[in-house]
Amino acid sequence: MKSLKLALAGLLLSGTPLMAQELIMSSWLPPKHPIVINAFEPWAEEVEKVTEGRVTVRIMGKPLGSPPAHFDMARDGIADVTYGLHSFTEDDRFTRARLGQFSFLGDDAIANSTAYWSIYGGQLDAAAEHEGTHLLGLFMHGPGLLHNNVRKIETTADMQGLKLRVPGGYVGDLVTALGATPLFMSSTEVYEKLSRGVIDGVTFTYEAMTAFNLVDDIKYSMTVPGGIYNTTWFFVVNEDKWESLSEADRAAIDAISGEAFAERVGKAWNDADTTAQGEIGDKVDFYQAPDAVVSALKAAAGKLEQAWSDGLGDGYDGMAALAEFRGMTGIQM
């Protein structure tokens, strides 16, 4: 008993917490995915460090629900921390989030993600669209490509009849406008559908080609400056769980999240894209979209951008936000 009392006294005097507050994080990407390894896991380790062990994050080996369910899981407290794509949620709660899903936005995931955090997280009031949670991060990947195993897209007529996986949101509307058929499915479903011929192609990044084992089932990959499309991601913690942490610990976690996390995850995306391109080599025919296709993309994209901006309502200028975004990433339209 005396030894136990001495041990407890030592803990108190050392300032070491008797019990840390643990945040349960549901993760649906493959455990070895570069974003998990190089962004989420380092962030979780840093949370413990900056809170001096008072808060820890346990990333689950298997997700607690389907990828499209992950925002609601955090909001409803099924998991404490989650991440996911805004476009996986089929209702209109993330209307302003579409800012980062358009074409010709940027080729660098760090610049994309920091601009997205600044503009969507600022003047477009992302917090209001994530009610019930606290925003830990908002981010984007590198430029999105159009991959298929049927033919090169040399004119818009070549899009006709192609069945293309899309992650929902803007890019589904875009490929429809160009004559293809969009099919929504999460990333983890693509390998089976592509290898079985259910789909002809997919809108994805470079790194997704290797992360989801798609290289042998893709022949052609089309690029445009700034990306054919992008996806936008949330990284959130349940609001009640967040408020249960001390003010000091919340401040410490916020300091390594937000813009800092945008830079961390953006670098992870960039590095993953570079590594993937090296692994793929000449197994896939990568090519720049011809001028006629780029012009058609710009025309379709412009109409979709304007319709989005017009639908935001009073107080939000979507076209001004897009112009500012492209100014931050260096894309000229």
C-alpha atoms as a PDB file:
ATOM      1  CA  MET A   1       0.000   0.000   0.000  1.00  0.00           C
ATOM      2  CA  LYS A   2       2.860   2.325   0.841  1.00  0.00           C
ATOM      3  CA  SER A   3       4.465   1.623  -2.529  1.00  0.00           C
ATOM      4  CA  LEU A   4       1.184   2.343  -4.325  1.00  0.00           C
ATOM      5  CA  LYS A   5       0.798   5.679  -2.514  1.00  0.00           C
ATOM      6  CA  LEU A   6       4.347   6.633  -3.444  1.00  0.00           C
ATOM      7  CA  ALA A   7       3.724   5.715  -7.079  1.00  0.00           C
ATOM      8  CA  LEU A   8       0.551   7.799  -7.201  1.00  0.00           C
ATOM      9  CA  ALA A   9       2.300  10.710  -5.579  1.00  0.00           C
ATOM     10  CA  GLY A  10       5.067  10.449  -8.138  1.00  0.00           C
ATOM     11  CA  LEU A  11       2.570  10.601 -10.970  1.00  0.00           C
ATOM     12  CA  LEU A  12       0.912  13.669  -9.512  1.00  0.00           C
ATOM     13  CA  LEU A  13       4.201  15.433  -8.933  1.00  0.00           C
ATOM     14  CA  SER A  14       5.438  14.595 -12.437  1.00  0.00           C
ATOM     15  CA  GLY A  15       2.306  16.085 -14.021  1.00  0.00           C
ATOM     16  CA  THR A  16       1.629  12.847 -15.949  1.00  0.00           C
ATOM     17  CA  PRO A  17      -2.113  12.343 -16.457  1.00  0.00           C
ATOM     18  CA  LEU A  18      -3.637   9.328 -14.695  1.00  0.00           C
ATOM     19  CA  MET A  19      -5.925   8.738 -17.668  1.00  0.00           C
ATOM     20  CA  ALA A  20      -5.749  10.243 -21.145  1.00  0.00           C
ATOM     21  CA  GLN A  21      -8.856  11.174 -23.110  1.00  0.00           C
ATOM     22  CA  GLU A  22      -8.932   8.886 -26.127  1.00  0.00           C
ATOM     23  CA  LEU A  23     -10.429   9.914 -29.449  1.00  0.00           C
ATOM     24  CA  ILE A  24     -11.636   7.020 -31.608  1.00  0.00           C
ATOM     25  CA  MET A  25     -10.996   7.677 -35.287  1.00  0.00           C
ATOM     26  CA  SER A  26     -12.739   5.653 -38.000  1.00  0.00           C
ATOM     27  CA  SER A  27     -10.643   5.280 -41.155  1.00  0.00           C
ATOM     28  CA  TRP A  28     -11.952   3.740 -44.403  1.00  0.00           C
ATOM     29  CA  LEU A  29      -8.955   4.127 -46.693  1.00  0.00           C
ATOM     30  CA  PRO A  30      -6.658   1.071 -46.844  1.00  0.00           C
ATOM     31  CA  PRO A  31      -4.385   1.067 -43.752  1.00  0.00           C
ATOM     32  CA  LYS A  32      -1.295   1.349 -45.974  1.00  0.00           C
ATOM     33  CA  HIS A  33      -2.718   4.194 -48.047  1.00  0.00           C
ATOM     34  CA  PRO A  34      -0.125   7.006 -48.219  1.00  0.00           C
ATOM     35  CA  ILE A  35      -2.565   9.538 -46.772  1.00  0.00           C
ATOM     36  CA  VAL A  36      -3.187   7.336 -43.754  1.00  0.00           C
ATOM     37  CA  ILE A  37       0.514   6.663 -43.212  1.00  0.00           C
ATOM     38  CA  ASN A  38       1.857  10.131 -44.019  1.00  0.00           C
ATOM     39  CA  ALA A  39      -0.917  12.436 -42.826  1.00  0.00           C
ATOM     40  CA  PHE A  40      -3.445  10.929 -40.411  1.00  0.00           C
ATOM     41  CA  GLU A  41      -1.074   8.751 -38.387  1.00  0.00           C
ATOM     42  CA  PRO A  42       1.554  11.518 -37.917  1.00  0.00           C
ATOM     43  CA  TRP A  43      -1.223  13.932 -36.932  1.00  0.00           C
ATOM     44  CA  ALA A  44      -2.503  11.446 -34.338  1.00  0.00           C
ATOM     45  CA  GLU A  45       0.982  11.032 -32.908  1.00  0.00           C
ATOM     46  CA  GLU A  46       1.419  14.794 -32.737  1.00  0.00           C
ATOM     47  CA  VAL A  47      -1.892  15.208 -30.891  1.00  0.00           C
ATOM     48  CA  GLU A  48      -0.515  13.112 -28.060  1.00  0.00           C
ATOM     49  CA  LYS A  49       2.723  15.079 -28.110  1.00  0.00           C
ATOM     50  CA  VAL A  50       1.247  18.600 -28.094  1.00  0.00           C
ATOM     51  CA  THR A  51      -1.243  17.711 -25.340  1.00  0.00           C
ATOM     52  CA  GLU A  52       1.523  16.104 -23.273  1.00  0.00           C
ATOM     53  CA  GLY A  53      -0.321  12.801 -23.300  1.00  0.00           C
ATOM     54  CA  ARG A  54      -3.651  14.157 -22.103  1.00  0.00           C
ATOM     55  CA  VAL A  55      -5.333  13.358 -25.449  1.00  0.00           C
ATOM     56  CA  THR A  56      -4.648  10.332 -27.641  1.00  0.00           C
ATOM     57  CA  VAL A  57      -6.087   9.243 -30.978  1.00  0.00           C
ATOM     58  CA  ARG A  58      -6.735   5.595 -31.804  1.00  0.00           C
ATOM     59  CA  ILE A  59      -7.148   4.997 -35.537  1.00  0.00           C
ATOM     60  CA  MET A  60      -9.285   1.922 -36.060  1.00  0.00           C
ATOM     61  CA  GLY A  61      -7.949  -0.811 -38.319  1.00  0.00           C
ATOM     62  CA  LYS A  62     -11.383  -1.217 -39.884  1.00  0.00           C
ATOM     63  CA  PRO A  63     -13.988   1.497 -40.518  1.00  0.00           C
ATOM     64  CA  LEU A  64     -17.030   1.737 -38.258  1.00  0.00           C
ATOM     65  CA  GLY A  65     -19.313   2.326 -41.253  1.00  0.00           C
ATOM     66  CA  SER A  66     -19.377   2.839 -45.014  1.00  0.00           C
ATOM     67  CA  PRO A  67     -17.319   5.707 -46.517  1.00  0.00           C
ATOM     68  CA  PRO A  68     -20.439   7.818 -47.315  1.00  0.00           C
ATOM     69  CA  ALA A  69     -21.611   7.493 -43.697  1.00  0.00           C
ATOM     70  CA  HIS A  70     -18.514   8.996 -42.125  1.00  0.00           C
ATOM     71  CA  PHE A  71     -19.662  12.565 -41.646  1.00  0.00           C
ATOM     72  CA  ASP A  72     -22.881  11.489 -39.954  1.00  0.00           C
ATOM     73  CA  MET A  73     -20.879   9.067 -37.800  1.00  0.00           C
ATOM     74  CA  ALA A  74     -18.830  11.938 -36.368  1.00  0.00           C
ATOM     75  CA  ARG A  75     -21.832  14.231 -35.993  1.00  0.00           C
ATOM     76  CA  ASP A  76     -23.829  11.521 -34.202  1.00  0.00           C
ATOM     77  CA  GLY A  77     -20.955  10.324 -31.998  1.00  0.00           C
ATOM     78  CA  ILE A  78     -20.605   6.848 -33.504  1.00  0.00           C
ATOM     79  CA  ALA A  79     -16.944   7.757 -33.946  1.00  0.00           C
ATOM     80  CA  ASP A  80     -15.125  10.714 -32.435  1.00  0.00           C
ATOM     81  CA  VAL A  81     -13.033  11.602 -35.488  1.00  0.00           C
ATOM     82  CA  THR A  82     -13.716  10.876 -39.163  1.00  0.00           C
ATOM     83  CA  TYR A  83     -12.771  12.026 -42.633  1.00  0.00           C
ATOM     84  CA  GLY A  84     -14.351  11.667 -46.057  1.00  0.00           C
ATOM     85  CA  LEU A  85     -15.388  13.212 -49.338  1.00  0.00           C
ATOM     86  CA  HIS A  86     -18.062  15.878 -49.355  1.00  0.00           C
ATOM     87  CA  SER A  87     -19.394  14.456 -52.617  1.00  0.00           C
ATOM     88  CA  PHE A  88     -20.097  11.069 -51.014  1.00  0.00           C
ATOM     89  CA  THR A  89     -22.973  12.723 -49.150  1.00  0.00           C
ATOM     90  CA  GLU A  90     -25.843  12.720 -51.612  1.00  0.00           C
ATOM     91  CA  ASP A  91     -27.904  15.529 -50.092  1.00  0.00           C
ATOM     92  CA  ASP A  92     -27.121  19.250 -50.469  1.00  0.00           C
ATOM     93  CA  ARG A  93     -25.668  20.000 -47.049  1.00  0.00           C
ATOM     94  CA  PHE A  94     -22.204  20.666 -48.542  1.00  0.00           C
ATOM     95  CA  THR A  95     -23.207  22.965 -51.400  1.00  0.00           C
ATOM     96  CA  ARG A  96     -20.455  25.521 -50.824  1.00  0.00           C
ATOM     97  CA  ALA A  97     -17.872  22.751 -50.495  1.00  0.00           C
ATOM     98  CA  ARG A  98     -18.086  22.280 -54.265  1.00  0.00           C
ATOM     99  CA  LEU A  99     -15.706  25.247 -54.608  1.00  0.00           C
ATOM    100  CA  GLY A 100     -12.795  22.765 -54.650  1.00  0.00           C
ATOM    101  CA  GLN A 101     -14.294  20.185 -57.024  1.00  0.00           C
ATOM    102  CA  PHE A 102     -14.177  22.120 -60.295  1.00  0.00           C
ATOM    103  CA  SER A 103     -11.817  21.783 -63.259  1.00  0.00           C
ATOM    104  CA  PHE A 104      -8.612  23.785 -63.727  1.00  0.00           C
ATOM    105  CA  LEU A 105      -8.015  24.512 -60.027  1.00  0.00           C
ATOM    106  CA  GLY A 106      -4.368  23.603 -59.481  1.00  0.00           C
ATOM    107  CA  ASP A 107      -1.654  20.987 -59.923  1.00  0.00           C
ATOM    108  CA  ASP A 108      -0.179  21.125 -56.425  1.00  0.00           C
ATOM    109  CA  ALA A 109      -2.069  19.505 -53.552  1.00  0.00           C
ATOM    110  CA  ILE A 110      -0.438  21.757 -50.945  1.00  0.00           C
ATOM    111  CA  ALA A 111      -1.521  24.929 -52.745  1.00  0.00           C
ATOM    112  CA  ASN A 112      -4.952  23.439 -53.450  1.00  0.00           C
ATOM    113  CA  SER A 113      -5.531  22.389 -49.854  1.00  0.00           C
ATOM    114  CA  THR A 114      -4.308  25.579 -48.212  1.00  0.00           C
ATOM    115  CA  ALA A 115      -6.399  27.697 -50.611  1.00  0.00           C
ATOM    116  CA  TYR A 116      -9.407  25.511 -49.877  1.00  0.00           C
ATOM    117  CA  TRP A 117      -8.958  25.844 -46.124  1.00  0.00           C
ATOM    118  CA  SER A 118      -8.575  29.611 -46.452  1.00  0.00           C
ATOM    119  CA  ILE A 119     -11.530  30.318 -48.760  1.00  0.00           C
ATOM    120  CA  TYR A 120     -14.086  27.614 -48.020  1.00  0.00           C
ATOM    121  CA  GLY A 121     -13.135  27.665 -44.357  1.00  0.00           C
ATOM    122  CA  GLY A 122     -13.324  31.471 -44.336  1.00  0.00           C
ATOM    123  CA  GLN A 123     -15.648  33.522 -46.514  1.00  0.00           C
ATOM    124  CA  LEU A 124     -17.784  30.513 -47.542  1.00  0.00           C
ATOM    125  CA  ASP A 125     -18.326  29.528 -43.883  1.00  0.00           C
ATOM    126  CA  ALA A 126     -17.489  25.821 -44.018  1.00  0.00           C
ATOM    127  CA  ALA A 127     -18.210  25.463 -40.287  1.00  0.00           C
ATOM    128  CA  ALA A 128     -21.915  26.109 -40.912  1.00  0.00           C
ATOM    129  CA  GLU A 129     -22.036  23.213 -43.376  1.00  0.00           C
ATOM    130  CA  HIS A 130     -20.416  20.863 -40.828  1.00  0.00           C
ATOM    131  CA  GLU A 131     -22.801  21.500 -37.947  1.00  0.00           C
ATOM    132  CA  GLY A 132     -22.428  19.081 -35.054  1.00  0.00           C
ATOM    133  CA  THR A 133     -18.690  18.740 -35.548  1.00  0.00           C
ATOM    134  CA  HIS A 134     -15.539  20.784 -35.156  1.00  0.00           C
ATOM    135  CA  LEU A 135     -13.441  21.168 -38.309  1.00  0.00           C
ATOM    136  CA  LEU A 136      -9.955  19.744 -38.003  1.00  0.00           C
ATOM    137  CA  GLY A 137      -9.173  20.012 -41.685  1.00  0.00           C
ATOM    138  CA  LEU A 138     -10.365  20.687 -45.220  1.00  0.00           C
ATOM    139  CA  PHE A 139      -8.263  19.490 -48.108  1.00  0.00           C
ATOM    140  CA  MET A 140      -7.966  18.394 -51.738  1.00  0.00           C
ATOM    141  CA  HIS A 141      -5.776  15.976 -53.643  1.00  0.00           C
ATOM    142  CA  GLY A 142      -3.594  16.624 -56.677  1.00  0.00           C
ATOM    143  CA  PRO A 143      -5.027  17.096 -60.178  1.00  0.00           C
ATOM    144  CA  GLY A 144      -7.723  14.597 -61.135  1.00  0.00           C
ATOM    145  CA  LEU A 145      -7.341  12.602 -64.354  1.00  0.00           C
ATOM    146  CA  LEU A 146      -9.719  10.661 -66.584  1.00  0.00           C
ATOM    147  CA  HIS A 147      -8.599   7.036 -66.972  1.00  0.00           C
ATOM    148  CA  ASN A 148     -10.194   4.465 -69.273  1.00  0.00           C
ATOM    149  CA  ASN A 149      -9.471   1.186 -71.030  1.00  0.00           C
ATOM    150  CA  VAL A 150     -11.399   1.796 -74.266  1.00  0.00           C
ATOM    151  CA  ARG A 151      -9.835   4.679 -76.239  1.00  0.00           C
ATOM    152  CA  LYS A 152      -8.000   7.973 -76.139  1.00  0.00           C
ATOM    153  CA  ILE A 153     -10.276  10.974 -75.760  1.00  0.00           C
ATOM    154  CA  GLU A 154      -9.255  13.028 -78.786  1.00  0.00           C
ATOM    155  CA  THR A 155     -12.622  14.706 -79.383  1.00  0.00           C
ATOM    156  CA  THR A 156     -15.685  15.073 -77.209  1.00  0.00           C
ATOM    157  CA  ALA A 157     -17.365  12.449 -79.417  1.00  0.00           C
ATOM    158  CA  ASP A 158     -14.972   9.915 -77.885  1.00  0.00           C
ATOM    159  CA  MET A 159     -16.709  10.418 -74.531  1.00  0.00           C
ATOM    160  CA  GLN A 160     -19.985   9.082 -75.896  1.00  0.00           C
ATOM    161  CA  GLY A 161     -21.073   5.819 -74.310  1.00  0.00           C
ATOM    162  CA  LEU A 162     -18.249   5.529 -71.792  1.00  0.00           C
ATOM    163  CA  LYS A 163     -19.296   4.365 -68.331  1.00  0.00           C
ATOM    164  CA  LEU A 164     -17.124   6.249 -65.861  1.00  0.00           C
ATOM    165  CA  ARG A 165     -16.866   5.944 -62.115  1.00  0.00           C
ATOM    166  CA  VAL A 166     -17.166   9.304 -60.403  1.00  0.00           C
ATOM    167  CA  PRO A 167     -17.002  10.255 -56.707  1.00  0.00           C
ATOM    168  CA  GLY A 168     -20.224  12.249 -57.010  1.00  0.00           C
ATOM    169  CA  GLY A 169     -20.535  16.016 -57.027  1.00  0.00           C
ATOM    170  CA  TYR A 170     -19.329  18.242 -59.855  1.00  0.00           C
ATOM    171  CA  VAL A 171     -17.452  15.670 -61.922  1.00  0.00           C
ATOM    172  CA  GLY A 172     -20.609  13.599 -62.354  1.00  0.00           C
ATOM    173  CA  ASP A 173     -22.319  16.632 -63.896  1.00  0.00           C
ATOM    174  CA  LEU A 174     -19.242  17.323 -66.031  1.00  0.00           C
ATOM    175  CA  VAL A 175     -18.940  13.889 -67.645  1.00  0.00           C
ATOM    176  CA  THR A 176     -22.710  13.898 -68.253  1.00  0.00           C
ATOM    177  CA  ALA A 177     -22.395  17.230 -70.083  1.00  0.00           C
ATOM    178  CA  LEU A 178     -19.660  15.698 -72.245  1.00  0.00           C
ATOM    179  CA  GLY A 179     -21.732  12.656 -73.186  1.00  0.00           C
ATOM    180  CA  ALA A 180     -20.453   9.921 -70.866  1.00  0.00           C
ATOM    181  CA  THR A 181     -22.421   8.012 -68.242  1.00  0.00           C
ATOM    182  CA  PRO A 182     -21.325   8.658 -64.629  1.00  0.00           C
ATOM    183  CA  LEU A 183     -21.621   5.852 -62.089  1.00  0.00           C
ATOM    184  CA  PHE A 184     -21.173   6.758 -58.431  1.00  0.00           C
ATOM    185  CA  MET A 185     -19.183   4.417 -56.217  1.00  0.00           C
ATOM    186  CA  SER A 186     -16.622   4.746 -53.447  1.00  0.00           C
ATOM    187  CA  SER A 187     -12.919   4.270 -54.116  1.00  0.00           C
ATOM    188  CA  THR A 188     -12.795   0.799 -52.604  1.00  0.00           C
ATOM    189  CA  GLU A 189     -15.373  -0.527 -55.103  1.00  0.00           C
ATOM    190  CA  VAL A 190     -13.533   0.539 -58.259  1.00  0.00           C
ATOM    191  CA  TYR A 191     -11.112  -2.380 -58.695  1.00  0.00           C
ATOM    192  CA  GLU A 192     -13.863  -4.986 -58.846  1.00  0.00           C
ATOM    193  CA  LYS A 193     -16.091  -2.939 -61.163  1.00  0.00           C
ATOM    194  CA  LEU A 194     -13.251  -2.011 -63.524  1.00  0.00           C
ATOM    195  CA  SER A 195     -11.713  -5.494 -63.703  1.00  0.00           C
ATOM    196  CA  ARG A 196     -15.134  -7.033 -64.389  1.00  0.00           C
ATOM    197  CA  GLY A 197     -15.982  -4.529 -67.123  1.00  0.00           C
ATOM    198  CA  VAL A 198     -18.903  -2.969 -65.273  1.00  0.00           C
ATOM    199  CA  ILE A 199     -17.229   0.415 -65.873  1.00  0.00           C
ATOM    200  CA  ASP A 200     -14.945   1.542 -68.701  1.00  0.00           C
ATOM    201  CA  GLY A 201     -12.970   4.052 -66.721  1.00  0.00           C
ATOM    202  CA  VAL A 202     -12.638   6.168 -63.634  1.00  0.00           C
ATOM    203  CA  THR A 203     -11.927   9.720 -62.543  1.00  0.00           C
ATOM    204  CA  PHE A 204      -8.993   9.404 -60.155  1.00  0.00           C
ATOM    205  CA  THR A 205      -5.570  10.761 -59.238  1.00  0.00           C
ATOM    206  CA  TYR A 206      -2.214   9.231 -60.147  1.00  0.00           C
ATOM    207  CA  GLU A 207      -1.765   7.710 -56.707  1.00  0.00           C
ATOM    208  CA  ALA A 208      -5.180   6.023 -56.740  1.00  0.00           C
ATOM    209  CA  MET A 209      -4.083   3.958 -59.737  1.00  0.00           C
ATOM    210  CA  THR A 210      -1.536   2.154 -57.597  1.00  0.00           C
ATOM    211  CA  ALA A 211      -3.297   2.443 -54.235  1.00  0.00           C
ATOM    212  CA  PHE A 212      -6.324   0.563 -55.598  1.00  0.00           C
ATOM    213  CA  ASN A 213      -4.458  -1.777 -58.019  1.00  0.00           C
ATOM    214  CA  LEU A 214      -5.944  -0.357 -61.221  1.00  0.00           C
ATOM    215  CA  VAL A 215      -2.878  -0.158 -63.485  1.00  0.00           C
ATOM    216  CA  ASP A 216      -3.484  -3.453 -65.316  1.00  0.00           C
ATOM    217  CA  ASP A 217      -7.042  -2.414 -66.172  1.00  0.00           C
ATOM    218  CA  ILE A 218      -6.299   1.084 -67.511  1.00  0.00           C
ATOM    219  CA  LYS A 219      -4.865   1.882 -70.950  1.00  0.00           C
ATOM    220  CA  TYR A 220      -5.264   5.655 -71.314  1.00  0.00           C
ATOM    221  CA  SER A 221      -5.067   8.554 -68.839  1.00  0.00           C
ATOM    222  CA  MET A 222      -5.948  12.101 -69.895  1.00  0.00           C
ATOM    223  CA  THR A 223      -4.706  15.205 -68.092  1.00  0.00           C
ATOM    224  CA  VAL A 224      -5.373  18.925 -68.329  1.00  0.00           C
ATOM    225  CA  PRO A 225      -3.486  21.765 -66.584  1.00  0.00           C
ATOM    226  CA  GLY A 226      -4.999  22.248 -63.144  1.00  0.00           C
ATOM    227  CA  GLY A 227      -6.861  18.948 -63.235  1.00  0.00           C
ATOM    228  CA  ILE A 228      -9.998  17.710 -64.945  1.00  0.00           C
ATOM    229  CA  TYR A 229     -11.656  17.760 -61.525  1.00  0.00           C
ATOM    230  CA  ASN A 230     -10.812  17.474 -57.856  1.00  0.00           C
ATOM    231  CA  THR A 231     -12.371  16.087 -54.712  1.00  0.00           C
ATOM    232  CA  THR A 232     -12.876  17.898 -51.432  1.00  0.00           C
ATOM    233  CA  TRP A 233     -12.417  16.266 -48.067  1.00  0.00           C
ATOM    234  CA  PHE A 234     -13.509  16.998 -44.514  1.00  0.00           C
ATOM    235  CA  PHE A 235     -11.644  15.984 -41.339  1.00  0.00           C
ATOM    236  CA  VAL A 236     -13.837  16.445 -38.290  1.00  0.00           C
ATOM    237  CA  VAL A 237     -14.320  15.628 -34.615  1.00  0.00           C
ATOM    238  CA  ASN A 238     -17.640  15.250 -32.824  1.00  0.00           C
ATOM    239  CA  GLU A 239     -18.559  18.635 -31.316  1.00  0.00           C
ATOM    240  CA  ASP A 240     -19.491  17.322 -27.859  1.00  0.00           C
ATOM    241  CA  LYS A 241     -16.301  15.280 -27.664  1.00  0.00           C
ATOM    242  CA  TRP A 242     -14.306  18.325 -28.718  1.00  0.00           C
ATOM    243  CA  GLU A 243     -15.908  20.496 -26.071  1.00  0.00           C
ATOM    244  CA  SER A 244     -15.097  17.876 -23.423  1.00  0.00           C
ATOM    245  CA  LEU A 245     -11.386  18.564 -23.952  1.00  0.00           C
ATOM    246  CA  SER A 246      -9.710  21.343 -22.024  1.00  0.00           C
ATOM    247  CA  GLU A 247      -9.346  24.735 -23.652  1.00  0.00           C
ATOM    248  CA  ALA A 248      -5.563  24.337 -23.651  1.00  0.00           C
ATOM    249  CA  ASP A 249      -5.728  20.955 -25.377  1.00  0.00           C
ATOM    250  CA  ARG A 250      -8.206  22.235 -27.966  1.00  0.00           C
ATOM    251  CA  ALA A 251      -5.874  25.112 -28.774  1.00  0.00           C
ATOM    252  CA  ALA A 252      -2.900  22.754 -29.046  1.00  0.00           C
ATOM    253  CA  ILE A 253      -4.769  20.425 -31.427  1.00  0.00           C
ATOM    254  CA  ASP A 254      -6.089  23.312 -33.528  1.00  0.00           C
ATOM    255  CA  ALA A 255      -2.523  24.550 -33.956  1.00  0.00           C
ATOM    256  CA  ILE A 256      -1.498  21.316 -35.726  1.00  0.00           C
ATOM    257  CA  SER A 257      -4.768  21.062 -37.673  1.00  0.00           C
ATOM    258  CA  GLY A 258      -6.423  23.480 -40.119  1.00  0.00           C
ATOM    259  CA  GLU A 259      -3.836  25.100 -42.384  1.00  0.00           C
ATOM    260  CA  ALA A 260      -1.008  23.054 -40.867  1.00  0.00           C
ATOM    261  CA  PHE A 261      -2.861  19.836 -41.673  1.00  0.00           C
ATOM    262  CA  ALA A 262      -3.660  21.104 -45.181  1.00  0.00           C
ATOM    263  CA  GLU A 263       0.073  21.459 -45.784  1.00  0.00           C
ATOM    264  CA  ARG A 264       0.796  18.030 -44.254  1.00  0.00           C
ATOM    265  CA  VAL A 265      -1.845  16.161 -46.243  1.00  0.00           C
ATOM    266  CA  GLY A 266      -1.079  18.125 -49.411  1.00  0.00           C
ATOM    267  CA  LYS A 267       2.558  17.033 -49.253  1.00  0.00           C
ATOM    268  CA  ALA A 268       1.424  13.449 -48.687  1.00  0.00           C
ATOM    269  CA  TRP A 269      -0.752  13.629 -51.834  1.00  0.00           C
ATOM    270  CA  ASN A 270       2.049  15.201 -53.901  1.00  0.00           C
ATOM    271  CA  ASP A 271       4.587  12.598 -52.796  1.00  0.00           C
ATOM    272  CA  ALA A 272       2.114   9.779 -53.432  1.00  0.00           C
ATOM    273  CA  ASP A 273       1.386  11.054 -56.958  1.00  0.00           C
ATOM    274  CA  THR A 274       5.106  11.271 -57.753  1.00  0.00           C
ATOM    275  CA  THR A 275       5.742   7.772 -56.416  1.00  0.00           C
ATOM    276  CA  ALA A 276       2.805   6.366 -58.364  1.00  0.00           C
ATOM    277  CA  GLN A 277       3.964   7.896 -61.645  1.00  0.00           C
ATOM    278  CA  GLY A 278       7.337   6.242 -61.124  1.00  0.00           C
ATOM    279  CA  GLU A 279       5.742   2.868 -60.434  1.00  0.00           C
ATOM    280  CA  ILE A 280       3.369   3.056 -63.413  1.00  0.00           C
ATOM    281  CA  GLY A 281       6.027   4.121 -65.904  1.00  0.00           C
ATOM    282  CA  ASP A 282       4.939   3.365 -69.468  1.00  0.00           C
ATOM    283  CA  LYS A 283       2.306   0.777 -68.532  1.00  0.00           C
ATOM    284  CA  VAL A 284      -0.371   3.407 -69.178  1.00  0.00           C
ATOM    285  CA  ASP A 285      -0.541   5.970 -71.994  1.00  0.00           C
ATOM    286  CA  PHE A 286      -0.604   9.375 -70.266  1.00  0.00           C
ATOM    287  CA  TYR A 287      -1.445  12.259 -72.588  1.00  0.00           C
ATOM    288  CA  GLN A 288      -2.482  15.900 -72.458  1.00  0.00           C
ATOM    289  CA  ALA A 289      -6.044  16.551 -73.590  1.00  0.00           C
ATOM    290  CA  PRO A 290      -6.148  18.012 -77.121  1.00  0.00           C
ATOM    291  CA  ASP A 291      -7.086  21.673 -77.442  1.00  0.00           C
ATOM    292  CA  ALA A 292     -10.573  20.854 -78.703  1.00  0.00           C
ATOM    293  CA  VAL A 293     -11.270  18.720 -75.632  1.00  0.00           C
ATOM    294  CA  VAL A 294      -9.868  21.382 -73.304  1.00  0.00           C
ATOM    295  CA  SER A 295     -12.104  23.987 -74.922  1.00  0.00           C
ATOM    296  CA  ALA A 296     -15.143  21.746 -74.481  1.00  0.00           C
ATOM    297  CA  LEU A 297     -14.200  21.123 -70.868  1.00  0.00           C
ATOM    298  CA  LYS A 298     -13.875  24.850 -70.216  1.00  0.00           C
ATOM    299  CA  ALA A 299     -17.247  25.572 -71.791  1.00  0.00           C
ATOM    300  CA  ALA A 300     -19.019  22.867 -69.785  1.00  0.00           C
ATOM    301  CA  ALA A 301     -17.162  23.786 -66.599  1.00  0.00           C
ATOM    302  CA  GLY A 302     -18.004  27.461 -66.962  1.00  0.00           C
ATOM    303  CA  LYS A 303     -21.738  26.750 -67.123  1.00  0.00           C
ATOM    304  CA  LEU A 304     -21.566  24.452 -64.081  1.00  0.00           C
ATOM    305  CA  GLU A 305     -19.519  26.985 -62.103  1.00  0.00           C
ATOM    306  CA  GLN A 306     -21.980  29.768 -62.834  1.00  0.00           C
ATOM    307  CA  ALA A 307     -24.980  27.616 -61.938  1.00  0.00           C
ATOM    308  CA  TRP A 308     -23.302  26.682 -58.643  1.00  0.00           C
ATOM    309  CA  SER A 309     -22.506  30.313 -57.850  1.00  0.00           C
ATOM    310  CA  ASP A 310     -26.019  31.450 -58.683  1.00  0.00           C
ATOM    311  CA  GLY A 311     -27.469  28.847 -56.341  1.00  0.00           C
ATOM    312  CA  LEU A 312     -25.478  29.845 -53.256  1.00  0.00           C
ATOM    313  CA  GLY A 313     -27.876  32.571 -52.241  1.00  0.00           C
ATOM    314  CA  ASP A 314     -27.308  36.008 -50.758  1.00  0.00           C
ATOM    315  CA  GLY A 315     -24.037  36.625 -48.981  1.00  0.00           C
ATOM    316  CA  TYR A 316     -21.898  34.220 -51.011  1.00  0.00           C
ATOM    317  CA  ASP A 317     -20.132  35.101 -54.264  1.00  0.00           C
ATOM    318  CA  GLY A 318     -19.022  31.785 -55.715  1.00  0.00           C
ATOM    319  CA  MET A 319     -17.390  33.211 -58.844  1.00  0.00           C
ATOM    320  CA  ALA A 320     -15.320  35.644 -56.785  1.00  0.00           C
ATOM    321  CA  ALA A 321     -14.291  32.778 -54.494  1.00  0.00           C
ATOM    322  CA  LEU A 322     -13.232  30.678 -57.500  1.00  0.00           C
ATOM    323  CA  ALA A 323     -11.222  33.558 -58.942  1.00  0.00           C
ATOM    324  CA  GLU A 324      -9.476  34.045 -55.609  1.00  0.00           C
ATOM    325  CA  PHE A 325      -8.819  30.316 -55.373  1.00  0.00           C
ATOM    326  CA  ARG A 326      -7.201  30.184 -58.800  1.00  0.00           C
ATOM    327  CA  GLY A 327      -5.202  33.277 -57.940  1.00  0.00           C
ATOM    328  CA  MET A 328      -3.783  31.460 -54.923  1.00  0.00           C
ATOM    329  CA  THR A 329      -2.895  28.333 -56.942  1.00  0.00           C
ATOM    330  CA  GLY A 330      -1.616  30.185 -59.997  1.00  0.00           C
ATOM    331  CA  ILE A 331      -4.085  28.923 -62.588  1.00  0.00           C
ATOM    332  CA  GLN A 332      -5.007  31.257 -65.455  1.00  0.00           C
ATOM    333  CA  MET A 333      -8.434  30.783 -67.094  1.00  0.00           C
END
